[in-house]
Amino acid sequence: MEDSSKEALMEEAPPRYTESPPRLSCVPQELKSLLLLVALVVVALVVVNVTFLLLGLHLSESHAETVLRMTIQGLDGQGTPQQLAMSKKERTGTFAVRDGLNASATVVYDYSKLLVGYRSWRQRACYITRVDKDNFPGLDDVTETFQRRQGEDVGDKAVALADRSVLGTTINILCSAVPVFWV
């Protein structure tokens, strides 16, 4: 029986495998090529636009830093470099300034409370002044006023501020360990 099954298999011809007929597509080949080309062009345009936007952002940031540096140091770029930290949330600007030889001080402009605070790291006191919202004094004027007040003898007649709730968060933190005086 084994021989007969082999012969039966040998008599049948193997199946013929042929290429399948081309599929009927609803989109012609020319249109597929055109869509691929359009997609590639759109991707290229997006990449170019993103590149130019990032380059523009970098240039505008560099320009803003240069303008800020010129404003702080003067138009010629000379002078004592100042450090500025801004908080949009609390609406404050904090400057580190020189206070004599080998000493520094911190000036805080609190735009929401209309206060300017000054703390020298040589003295054990903080000085606060209220300002007009239309006329904020410049950093040099503020520094000079506070340094002059600091040089005066405080004596027994000066009373430290008892209620610190009128101060903003930034000035409260700056003056947390020292007495606060109004100027």
N, C-alpha and C. Protein backbone atom coordinates (compact mmCIF):
# COMPACT_ATOMS: atom_id res chain seq x y z
N MET A 1 0.81 -1.18 0.00
CA MET A 1 0.00 0.00 0.00
C MET A 1 0.85 1.24 0.00
N GLU A 2 2.00 1.04 0.47
CA GLU A 2 2.87 2.20 0.49
C GLU A 2 3.28 2.61 -0.91
N ASP A 3 3.53 1.68 -1.76
CA ASP A 3 3.97 2.00 -3.11
C ASP A 3 2.86 2.69 -3.89
N SER A 4 1.66 2.31 -3.69
CA SER A 4 0.57 2.90 -4.45
C SER A 4 0.34 4.35 -4.05
N SER A 5 0.52 4.69 -2.78
CA SER A 5 0.32 6.08 -2.36
C SER A 5 1.41 6.98 -2.91
N LYS A 6 2.63 6.44 -3.03
CA LYS A 6 3.71 7.23 -3.61
C LYS A 6 3.44 7.48 -5.08
N GLU A 7 2.95 6.47 -5.76
CA GLU A 7 2.68 6.63 -7.18
C GLU A 7 1.56 7.62 -7.39
N ALA A 8 0.57 7.59 -6.53
CA ALA A 8 -0.54 8.52 -6.67
C ALA A 8 -0.05 9.96 -6.49
N LEU A 9 0.85 10.14 -5.57
CA LEU A 9 1.39 11.49 -5.36
C LEU A 9 2.26 11.92 -6.52
N MET A 10 2.99 11.00 -7.10
CA MET A 10 3.88 11.32 -8.20
C MET A 10 3.11 11.63 -9.47
N GLU A 11 1.94 11.05 -9.64
CA GLU A 11 1.17 11.28 -10.85
C GLU A 11 0.58 12.68 -10.87
N GLU A 12 0.29 13.22 -9.71
CA GLU A 12 -0.29 14.56 -9.68
C GLU A 12 0.81 15.59 -9.88
N ALA A 13 0.53 16.56 -10.63
CA ALA A 13 1.50 17.63 -10.87
C ALA A 13 1.48 18.59 -9.68
N PRO A 14 2.64 19.13 -9.35
CA PRO A 14 2.66 20.09 -8.24
C PRO A 14 1.86 21.34 -8.62
N PRO A 15 1.32 22.00 -7.64
CA PRO A 15 0.55 23.21 -7.96
C PRO A 15 1.46 24.29 -8.54
N ARG A 16 0.90 25.10 -9.41
CA ARG A 16 1.66 26.19 -10.02
C ARG A 16 1.37 27.48 -9.24
N TYR A 17 2.44 28.05 -8.77
CA TYR A 17 2.31 29.32 -8.05
C TYR A 17 2.57 30.43 -9.04
N THR A 18 1.67 31.34 -9.13
CA THR A 18 1.83 32.45 -10.06
C THR A 18 1.70 33.76 -9.29
N GLU A 19 2.13 34.78 -9.93
CA GLU A 19 2.03 36.12 -9.35
C GLU A 19 0.56 36.48 -9.24
N SER A 20 0.20 37.05 -8.10
CA SER A 20 -1.19 37.43 -7.92
C SER A 20 -1.50 38.61 -8.84
N PRO A 21 -2.70 38.67 -9.27
CA PRO A 21 -3.05 39.78 -10.16
C PRO A 21 -2.96 41.10 -9.38
N PRO A 22 -2.62 42.20 -10.05
CA PRO A 22 -2.51 43.49 -9.35
C PRO A 22 -3.84 43.85 -8.70
N ARG A 23 -3.70 44.40 -7.49
CA ARG A 23 -4.91 44.77 -6.76
C ARG A 23 -5.55 45.98 -7.42
N LEU A 24 -6.79 45.98 -7.33
CA LEU A 24 -7.50 47.15 -7.82
C LEU A 24 -7.54 48.16 -6.68
N SER A 25 -6.86 49.24 -6.85
CA SER A 25 -6.79 50.25 -5.80
C SER A 25 -7.67 51.41 -6.17
N CYS A 26 -8.22 52.03 -5.17
CA CYS A 26 -9.08 53.18 -5.46
C CYS A 26 -8.24 54.43 -5.71
N VAL A 27 -6.93 54.39 -5.38
CA VAL A 27 -6.06 55.54 -5.60
C VAL A 27 -5.03 55.16 -6.67
N PRO A 28 -4.98 55.91 -7.76
CA PRO A 28 -4.00 55.59 -8.81
C PRO A 28 -2.57 55.81 -8.31
N GLN A 29 -1.62 55.16 -8.93
CA GLN A 29 -0.21 55.22 -8.55
C GLN A 29 0.32 56.65 -8.66
N GLU A 30 -0.07 57.40 -9.68
CA GLU A 30 0.40 58.78 -9.85
C GLU A 30 -0.04 59.65 -8.67
N LEU A 31 -1.27 59.40 -8.22
CA LEU A 31 -1.79 60.18 -7.10
C LEU A 31 -1.06 59.82 -5.80
N LYS A 32 -0.71 58.54 -5.64
CA LYS A 32 0.06 58.13 -4.47
C LYS A 32 1.41 58.83 -4.44
N SER A 33 2.07 58.90 -5.58
CA SER A 33 3.37 59.58 -5.66
C SER A 33 3.23 61.05 -5.32
N LEU A 34 2.18 61.65 -5.85
CA LEU A 34 1.95 63.07 -5.59
C LEU A 34 1.67 63.32 -4.10
N LEU A 35 0.87 62.46 -3.48
CA LEU A 35 0.59 62.61 -2.04
C LEU A 35 1.85 62.44 -1.20
N LEU A 36 2.69 61.49 -1.57
CA LEU A 36 3.95 61.30 -0.86
C LEU A 36 4.84 62.53 -0.99
N LEU A 37 4.91 63.08 -2.19
CA LEU A 37 5.72 64.28 -2.42
C LEU A 37 5.18 65.46 -1.61
N VAL A 38 3.87 65.64 -1.58
CA VAL A 38 3.26 66.73 -0.82
C VAL A 38 3.55 66.55 0.68
N ALA A 39 3.45 65.33 1.18
CA ALA A 39 3.72 65.07 2.59
C ALA A 39 5.17 65.39 2.93
N LEU A 40 6.10 65.01 2.07
CA LEU A 40 7.51 65.32 2.30
C LEU A 40 7.76 66.83 2.30
N VAL A 41 7.12 67.56 1.39
CA VAL A 41 7.29 69.01 1.33
C VAL A 41 6.73 69.66 2.60
N VAL A 42 5.58 69.20 3.07
CA VAL A 42 4.99 69.76 4.29
C VAL A 42 5.89 69.50 5.49
N VAL A 43 6.43 68.31 5.61
CA VAL A 43 7.34 68.00 6.72
C VAL A 43 8.58 68.88 6.64
N ALA A 44 9.13 69.07 5.44
CA ALA A 44 10.31 69.92 5.28
C ALA A 44 9.99 71.36 5.68
N LEU A 45 8.83 71.87 5.29
CA LEU A 45 8.45 73.24 5.65
C LEU A 45 8.29 73.38 7.17
N VAL A 46 7.70 72.41 7.81
CA VAL A 46 7.54 72.46 9.26
C VAL A 46 8.90 72.47 9.95
N VAL A 47 9.82 71.63 9.49
CA VAL A 47 11.16 71.60 10.09
C VAL A 47 11.86 72.93 9.90
N VAL A 48 11.76 73.52 8.71
CA VAL A 48 12.40 74.82 8.45
C VAL A 48 11.78 75.90 9.33
N ASN A 49 10.44 75.93 9.45
CA ASN A 49 9.78 76.94 10.28
C ASN A 49 10.16 76.80 11.75
N VAL A 50 10.18 75.59 12.26
CA VAL A 50 10.56 75.39 13.66
C VAL A 50 12.00 75.82 13.89
N THR A 51 12.87 75.53 12.94
CA THR A 51 14.27 75.94 13.06
C THR A 51 14.38 77.46 13.14
N PHE A 52 13.68 78.17 12.25
CA PHE A 52 13.76 79.63 12.26
C PHE A 52 13.10 80.22 13.51
N LEU A 53 12.03 79.62 13.99
CA LEU A 53 11.41 80.11 15.22
C LEU A 53 12.33 79.96 16.42
N LEU A 54 12.99 78.82 16.53
CA LEU A 54 13.92 78.61 17.64
C LEU A 54 15.12 79.55 17.52
N LEU A 55 15.60 79.77 16.32
CA LEU A 55 16.71 80.71 16.12
C LEU A 55 16.28 82.12 16.50
N GLY A 56 15.07 82.52 16.11
CA GLY A 56 14.57 83.85 16.47
C GLY A 56 14.40 84.00 17.97
N LEU A 57 13.93 82.96 18.63
CA LEU A 57 13.79 82.99 20.09
C LEU A 57 15.14 83.16 20.76
N HIS A 58 16.14 82.45 20.27
CA HIS A 58 17.48 82.56 20.83
C HIS A 58 18.04 83.97 20.62
N LEU A 59 17.85 84.53 19.43
CA LEU A 59 18.35 85.87 19.16
C LEU A 59 17.65 86.92 20.00
N SER A 60 16.32 86.80 20.17
CA SER A 60 15.61 87.79 20.98
C SER A 60 16.00 87.68 22.45
N GLU A 61 16.26 86.46 22.93
CA GLU A 61 16.71 86.29 24.31
C GLU A 61 18.09 86.91 24.51
N SER A 62 18.98 86.70 23.55
CA SER A 62 20.31 87.30 23.63
C SER A 62 20.22 88.82 23.60
N HIS A 63 19.32 89.34 22.75
CA HIS A 63 19.15 90.79 22.66
C HIS A 63 18.61 91.35 23.98
N ALA A 64 17.64 90.67 24.58
CA ALA A 64 17.08 91.13 25.85
C ALA A 64 18.14 91.12 26.95
N GLU A 65 18.99 90.10 26.97
CA GLU A 65 20.06 90.06 27.97
C GLU A 65 21.05 91.20 27.75
N THR A 66 21.35 91.50 26.49
CA THR A 66 22.27 92.60 26.19
C THR A 66 21.68 93.93 26.62
N VAL A 67 20.40 94.15 26.33
CA VAL A 67 19.74 95.40 26.74
C VAL A 67 19.72 95.52 28.25
N LEU A 68 19.40 94.43 28.95
CA LEU A 68 19.39 94.46 30.41
C LEU A 68 20.78 94.75 30.96
N ARG A 69 21.80 94.13 30.37
CA ARG A 69 23.18 94.36 30.81
C ARG A 69 23.57 95.82 30.58
N MET A 70 23.17 96.40 29.42
CA MET A 70 23.49 97.80 29.15
C MET A 70 22.74 98.72 30.11
N THR A 71 21.50 98.36 30.46
CA THR A 71 20.72 99.17 31.38
C THR A 71 21.34 99.17 32.77
N ILE A 72 21.78 98.01 33.21
CA ILE A 72 22.33 97.90 34.55
C ILE A 72 23.72 98.51 34.62
N GLN A 73 24.56 98.25 33.62
CA GLN A 73 25.95 98.69 33.67
C GLN A 73 26.19 100.03 33.00
N GLY A 74 25.25 100.52 32.24
CA GLY A 74 25.46 101.75 31.50
C GLY A 74 25.57 101.43 30.02
N LEU A 75 25.41 102.44 29.18
CA LEU A 75 25.39 102.21 27.73
C LEU A 75 26.72 101.70 27.20
N ASP A 76 27.82 102.08 27.84
CA ASP A 76 29.12 101.64 27.34
C ASP A 76 29.52 100.28 27.89
N GLY A 77 28.70 99.69 28.75
CA GLY A 77 29.00 98.37 29.30
C GLY A 77 29.98 98.41 30.45
N GLN A 78 30.39 99.59 30.86
CA GLN A 78 31.33 99.73 31.97
C GLN A 78 30.55 99.91 33.27
N GLY A 79 31.22 99.75 34.37
CA GLY A 79 30.59 99.94 35.66
C GLY A 79 30.55 98.64 36.44
N THR A 80 30.02 98.74 37.61
CA THR A 80 29.95 97.57 38.48
C THR A 80 28.82 96.67 38.01
N PRO A 81 29.10 95.42 37.73
CA PRO A 81 28.02 94.54 37.31
C PRO A 81 27.04 94.29 38.45
N GLN A 82 25.78 94.31 38.12
CA GLN A 82 24.72 94.09 39.10
C GLN A 82 24.03 92.78 38.78
N GLN A 83 23.50 92.13 39.79
CA GLN A 83 22.75 90.90 39.60
C GLN A 83 21.28 91.20 39.85
N LEU A 84 20.42 90.73 38.98
CA LEU A 84 18.99 90.97 39.10
C LEU A 84 18.24 89.65 39.07
N ALA A 85 17.32 89.48 40.00
CA ALA A 85 16.41 88.33 40.00
C ALA A 85 14.99 88.88 40.05
N MET A 86 14.15 88.40 39.14
CA MET A 86 12.78 88.90 39.08
C MET A 86 11.80 87.77 39.38
N SER A 87 10.70 88.14 40.03
CA SER A 87 9.62 87.19 40.29
C SER A 87 8.32 87.79 39.78
N LYS A 88 7.79 87.21 38.71
CA LYS A 88 6.53 87.71 38.16
C LYS A 88 5.37 87.39 39.10
N LYS A 89 5.45 86.27 39.78
CA LYS A 89 4.36 85.85 40.67
C LYS A 89 4.20 86.85 41.82
N GLU A 90 5.31 87.23 42.44
CA GLU A 90 5.25 88.15 43.58
C GLU A 90 5.44 89.60 43.15
N ARG A 91 5.74 89.82 41.88
CA ARG A 91 5.97 91.15 41.32
C ARG A 91 7.09 91.87 42.07
N THR A 92 8.26 91.22 42.13
CA THR A 92 9.42 91.80 42.81
C THR A 92 10.63 91.74 41.90
N GLY A 93 11.55 92.64 42.17
CA GLY A 93 12.87 92.62 41.54
C GLY A 93 13.91 92.72 42.64
N THR A 94 14.88 91.83 42.61
CA THR A 94 15.89 91.78 43.67
C THR A 94 17.26 92.03 43.06
N PHE A 95 17.97 93.02 43.61
CA PHE A 95 19.31 93.38 43.14
C PHE A 95 20.33 93.10 44.22
N ALA A 96 21.47 92.62 43.82
CA ALA A 96 22.63 92.52 44.72
C ALA A 96 23.54 93.69 44.36
N VAL A 97 23.81 94.57 45.32
CA VAL A 97 24.62 95.76 45.07
C VAL A 97 25.81 95.78 46.03
N ARG A 98 26.78 96.63 45.70
CA ARG A 98 27.95 96.79 46.58
C ARG A 98 27.62 97.74 47.71
N ASP A 99 28.14 97.44 48.86
CA ASP A 99 27.95 98.28 50.04
C ASP A 99 29.32 98.55 50.64
N GLY A 100 30.04 99.44 50.01
CA GLY A 100 31.39 99.73 50.48
C GLY A 100 32.38 98.72 49.94
N LEU A 101 33.53 98.70 50.57
CA LEU A 101 34.61 97.83 50.14
C LEU A 101 34.38 96.41 50.66
N ASN A 102 34.41 95.45 49.79
CA ASN A 102 34.27 94.03 50.14
C ASN A 102 32.99 93.71 50.91
N ALA A 103 31.91 94.38 50.59
CA ALA A 103 30.63 94.09 51.24
C ALA A 103 29.53 94.21 50.20
N SER A 104 28.45 93.53 50.46
CA SER A 104 27.33 93.60 49.53
C SER A 104 26.04 93.85 50.31
N ALA A 105 25.03 94.25 49.55
CA ALA A 105 23.71 94.49 50.12
C ALA A 105 22.68 93.98 49.11
N THR A 106 21.47 93.82 49.58
CA THR A 106 20.39 93.37 48.71
C THR A 106 19.28 94.41 48.72
N VAL A 107 18.83 94.78 47.52
CA VAL A 107 17.73 95.73 47.37
C VAL A 107 16.57 94.98 46.72
N VAL A 108 15.39 95.08 47.33
CA VAL A 108 14.20 94.42 46.79
C VAL A 108 13.17 95.48 46.45
N TYR A 109 12.75 95.51 45.18
CA TYR A 109 11.63 96.34 44.74
C TYR A 109 10.39 95.46 44.77
N ASP A 110 9.42 95.81 45.61
CA ASP A 110 8.16 95.07 45.68
C ASP A 110 7.09 95.93 45.02
N TYR A 111 6.77 95.60 43.75
CA TYR A 111 5.84 96.42 42.97
C TYR A 111 4.39 96.23 43.39
N SER A 112 4.06 95.13 44.02
CA SER A 112 2.67 94.92 44.44
C SER A 112 2.37 95.67 45.73
N LYS A 113 3.33 95.77 46.65
CA LYS A 113 3.13 96.47 47.93
C LYS A 113 3.67 97.90 47.89
N LEU A 114 4.31 98.29 46.77
CA LEU A 114 4.92 99.61 46.61
C LEU A 114 5.95 99.89 47.70
N LEU A 115 6.81 98.90 47.94
CA LEU A 115 7.87 99.01 48.95
C LEU A 115 9.22 98.74 48.31
N VAL A 116 10.24 99.34 48.91
CA VAL A 116 11.62 99.02 48.56
C VAL A 116 12.33 98.66 49.86
N GLY A 117 12.97 97.52 49.87
CA GLY A 117 13.69 97.06 51.06
C GLY A 117 15.18 96.98 50.79
N TYR A 118 15.98 97.22 51.83
CA TYR A 118 17.44 97.22 51.70
C TYR A 118 18.03 96.50 52.91
N ARG A 119 18.90 95.56 52.64
CA ARG A 119 19.60 94.90 53.74
C ARG A 119 21.07 94.79 53.38
N SER A 120 21.88 95.40 54.24
CA SER A 120 23.33 95.29 54.11
C SER A 120 23.77 94.11 54.96
N TRP A 121 24.71 93.36 54.45
CA TRP A 121 25.17 92.19 55.19
C TRP A 121 26.20 92.57 56.24
N ARG A 122 26.61 93.86 56.28
CA ARG A 122 27.51 94.34 57.34
C ARG A 122 26.73 94.77 58.57
N GLN A 123 25.50 95.22 58.39
CA GLN A 123 24.68 95.74 59.49
C GLN A 123 23.67 94.70 59.93
N ARG A 124 23.17 94.86 61.12
CA ARG A 124 22.13 93.97 61.65
C ARG A 124 20.79 94.68 61.60
N ALA A 125 20.43 95.20 60.43
CA ALA A 125 19.16 95.90 60.29
C ALA A 125 18.71 95.86 58.83
N CYS A 126 17.41 96.05 58.66
CA CYS A 126 16.79 96.11 57.34
C CYS A 126 16.06 97.45 57.25
N TYR A 127 16.12 98.09 56.11
CA TYR A 127 15.47 99.39 55.93
C TYR A 127 14.44 99.29 54.83
N ILE A 128 13.26 99.86 55.09
CA ILE A 128 12.13 99.79 54.17
C ILE A 128 11.64 101.21 53.91
N THR A 129 11.22 101.47 52.69
CA THR A 129 10.58 102.74 52.38
C THR A 129 9.42 102.47 51.44
N ARG A 130 8.40 103.31 51.56
CA ARG A 130 7.24 103.22 50.66
C ARG A 130 7.50 104.16 49.49
N VAL A 131 7.08 103.75 48.29
CA VAL A 131 7.32 104.55 47.10
C VAL A 131 6.00 104.83 46.39
N ASP A 132 6.02 105.85 45.55
CA ASP A 132 4.87 106.22 44.75
C ASP A 132 4.82 105.30 43.53
N LYS A 133 3.63 104.83 43.17
CA LYS A 133 3.55 103.86 42.07
C LYS A 133 3.94 104.47 40.72
N ASP A 134 3.85 105.78 40.59
CA ASP A 134 4.23 106.43 39.34
C ASP A 134 5.68 106.89 39.33
N ASN A 135 6.36 106.80 40.47
CA ASN A 135 7.72 107.33 40.54
C ASN A 135 8.60 106.41 41.39
N PHE A 136 8.98 105.27 40.82
CA PHE A 136 9.89 104.37 41.52
C PHE A 136 11.30 104.94 41.40
N PRO A 137 12.01 105.06 42.51
CA PRO A 137 13.38 105.60 42.45
C PRO A 137 14.32 104.59 41.79
N GLY A 138 15.38 105.13 41.20
CA GLY A 138 16.39 104.28 40.58
C GLY A 138 17.21 103.54 41.62
N LEU A 139 17.93 102.55 41.16
CA LEU A 139 18.72 101.72 42.05
C LEU A 139 19.81 102.53 42.74
N ASP A 140 20.46 103.44 42.02
CA ASP A 140 21.51 104.26 42.62
C ASP A 140 20.95 105.16 43.72
N ASP A 141 19.79 105.79 43.46
CA ASP A 141 19.17 106.66 44.47
C ASP A 141 18.77 105.87 45.71
N VAL A 142 18.18 104.72 45.51
CA VAL A 142 17.76 103.88 46.64
C VAL A 142 18.97 103.46 47.46
N THR A 143 20.01 103.00 46.78
CA THR A 143 21.21 102.54 47.48
C THR A 143 21.84 103.68 48.27
N GLU A 144 21.93 104.86 47.67
CA GLU A 144 22.52 106.01 48.36
C GLU A 144 21.69 106.42 49.58
N THR A 145 20.36 106.45 49.43
CA THR A 145 19.49 106.82 50.54
C THR A 145 19.63 105.85 51.70
N PHE A 146 19.59 104.58 51.40
CA PHE A 146 19.68 103.58 52.47
C PHE A 146 21.06 103.56 53.12
N GLN A 147 22.10 103.75 52.32
CA GLN A 147 23.45 103.76 52.91
C GLN A 147 23.64 104.98 53.80
N ARG A 148 23.07 106.11 53.40
CA ARG A 148 23.14 107.31 54.23
C ARG A 148 22.38 107.08 55.53
N ARG A 149 21.21 106.48 55.46
CA ARG A 149 20.41 106.19 56.65
C ARG A 149 21.13 105.20 57.56
N GLN A 150 21.81 104.26 56.94
CA GLN A 150 22.55 103.26 57.69
C GLN A 150 23.72 103.91 58.44
N GLY A 151 24.31 104.93 57.84
CA GLY A 151 25.44 105.62 58.45
C GLY A 151 25.03 106.49 59.63
N GLU A 152 23.77 106.91 59.66
CA GLU A 152 23.29 107.72 60.78
C GLU A 152 23.21 106.87 62.03
N ASP A 153 23.34 107.52 63.16
CA ASP A 153 23.24 106.80 64.42
C ASP A 153 21.77 106.53 64.71
N VAL A 154 21.39 105.27 64.76
CA VAL A 154 20.00 104.91 65.00
C VAL A 154 19.61 105.27 66.42
N GLY A 155 20.41 104.92 67.38
CA GLY A 155 20.18 105.30 68.78
C GLY A 155 18.92 104.70 69.36
N ASP A 156 18.47 105.29 70.46
CA ASP A 156 17.30 104.76 71.16
C ASP A 156 15.99 105.26 70.56
N LYS A 157 16.04 106.33 69.76
CA LYS A 157 14.80 106.89 69.24
C LYS A 157 14.19 106.05 68.12
N ALA A 158 14.97 105.21 67.47
CA ALA A 158 14.44 104.39 66.39
C ALA A 158 13.76 103.15 66.97
N VAL A 159 12.57 102.88 66.47
CA VAL A 159 11.81 101.72 66.93
C VAL A 159 11.64 100.78 65.75
N ALA A 160 11.95 99.53 65.98
CA ALA A 160 11.82 98.54 64.91
C ALA A 160 10.34 98.29 64.60
N LEU A 161 10.07 97.94 63.37
CA LEU A 161 8.72 97.64 62.92
C LEU A 161 8.21 96.39 63.64
N ALA A 162 7.03 96.52 64.25
CA ALA A 162 6.50 95.39 65.00
C ALA A 162 5.63 94.49 64.12
N ASP A 163 4.85 95.08 63.24
CA ASP A 163 3.93 94.31 62.40
C ASP A 163 4.56 94.10 61.02
N ARG A 164 5.03 92.91 60.77
CA ARG A 164 5.69 92.62 59.49
C ARG A 164 4.70 92.16 58.42
N SER A 165 3.43 92.14 58.73
CA SER A 165 2.44 91.68 57.76
C SER A 165 2.29 92.65 56.59
N VAL A 166 2.72 93.90 56.76
CA VAL A 166 2.63 94.87 55.67
C VAL A 166 3.71 94.63 54.62
N LEU A 167 4.72 93.85 54.98
CA LEU A 167 5.81 93.57 54.04
C LEU A 167 5.43 92.39 53.15
N GLY A 168 5.98 92.37 51.95
CA GLY A 168 5.75 91.23 51.06
C GLY A 168 6.58 90.03 51.49
N THR A 169 6.34 88.92 50.84
CA THR A 169 7.04 87.68 51.18
C THR A 169 8.54 87.80 50.99
N THR A 170 8.97 88.39 49.88
CA THR A 170 10.40 88.49 49.59
C THR A 170 11.11 89.35 50.62
N ILE A 171 10.54 90.51 50.96
CA ILE A 171 11.17 91.39 51.95
C ILE A 171 11.11 90.74 53.33
N ASN A 172 10.04 90.05 53.64
CA ASN A 172 9.95 89.34 54.92
C ASN A 172 11.06 88.31 55.06
N ILE A 173 11.32 87.56 54.01
CA ILE A 173 12.38 86.56 54.06
C ILE A 173 13.74 87.24 54.17
N LEU A 174 13.94 88.31 53.41
CA LEU A 174 15.21 89.04 53.44
C LEU A 174 15.50 89.58 54.84
N CYS A 175 14.48 90.10 55.51
CA CYS A 175 14.66 90.76 56.80
C CYS A 175 14.21 89.90 57.98
N SER A 176 14.13 88.61 57.81
CA SER A 176 13.55 87.76 58.85
C SER A 176 14.35 87.73 60.15
N ALA A 177 15.67 87.85 60.09
CA ALA A 177 16.48 87.68 61.30
C ALA A 177 16.98 89.00 61.87
N VAL A 178 16.55 90.12 61.32
CA VAL A 178 17.05 91.42 61.77
C VAL A 178 15.88 92.37 61.99
N PRO A 179 16.08 93.43 62.78
CA PRO A 179 15.01 94.42 62.95
C PRO A 179 14.79 95.21 61.66
N VAL A 180 13.56 95.68 61.47
CA VAL A 180 13.18 96.43 60.27
C VAL A 180 12.87 97.86 60.67
N PHE A 181 13.45 98.82 59.94
CA PHE A 181 13.23 100.25 60.20
C PHE A 181 12.68 100.91 58.95
N TRP A 182 11.73 101.86 59.15
CA TRP A 182 11.20 102.65 58.05
C TRP A 182 12.14 103.82 57.78
N VAL A 183 12.32 104.14 56.55
CA VAL A 183 13.13 105.31 56.17
C VAL A 183 12.22 106.34 55.57
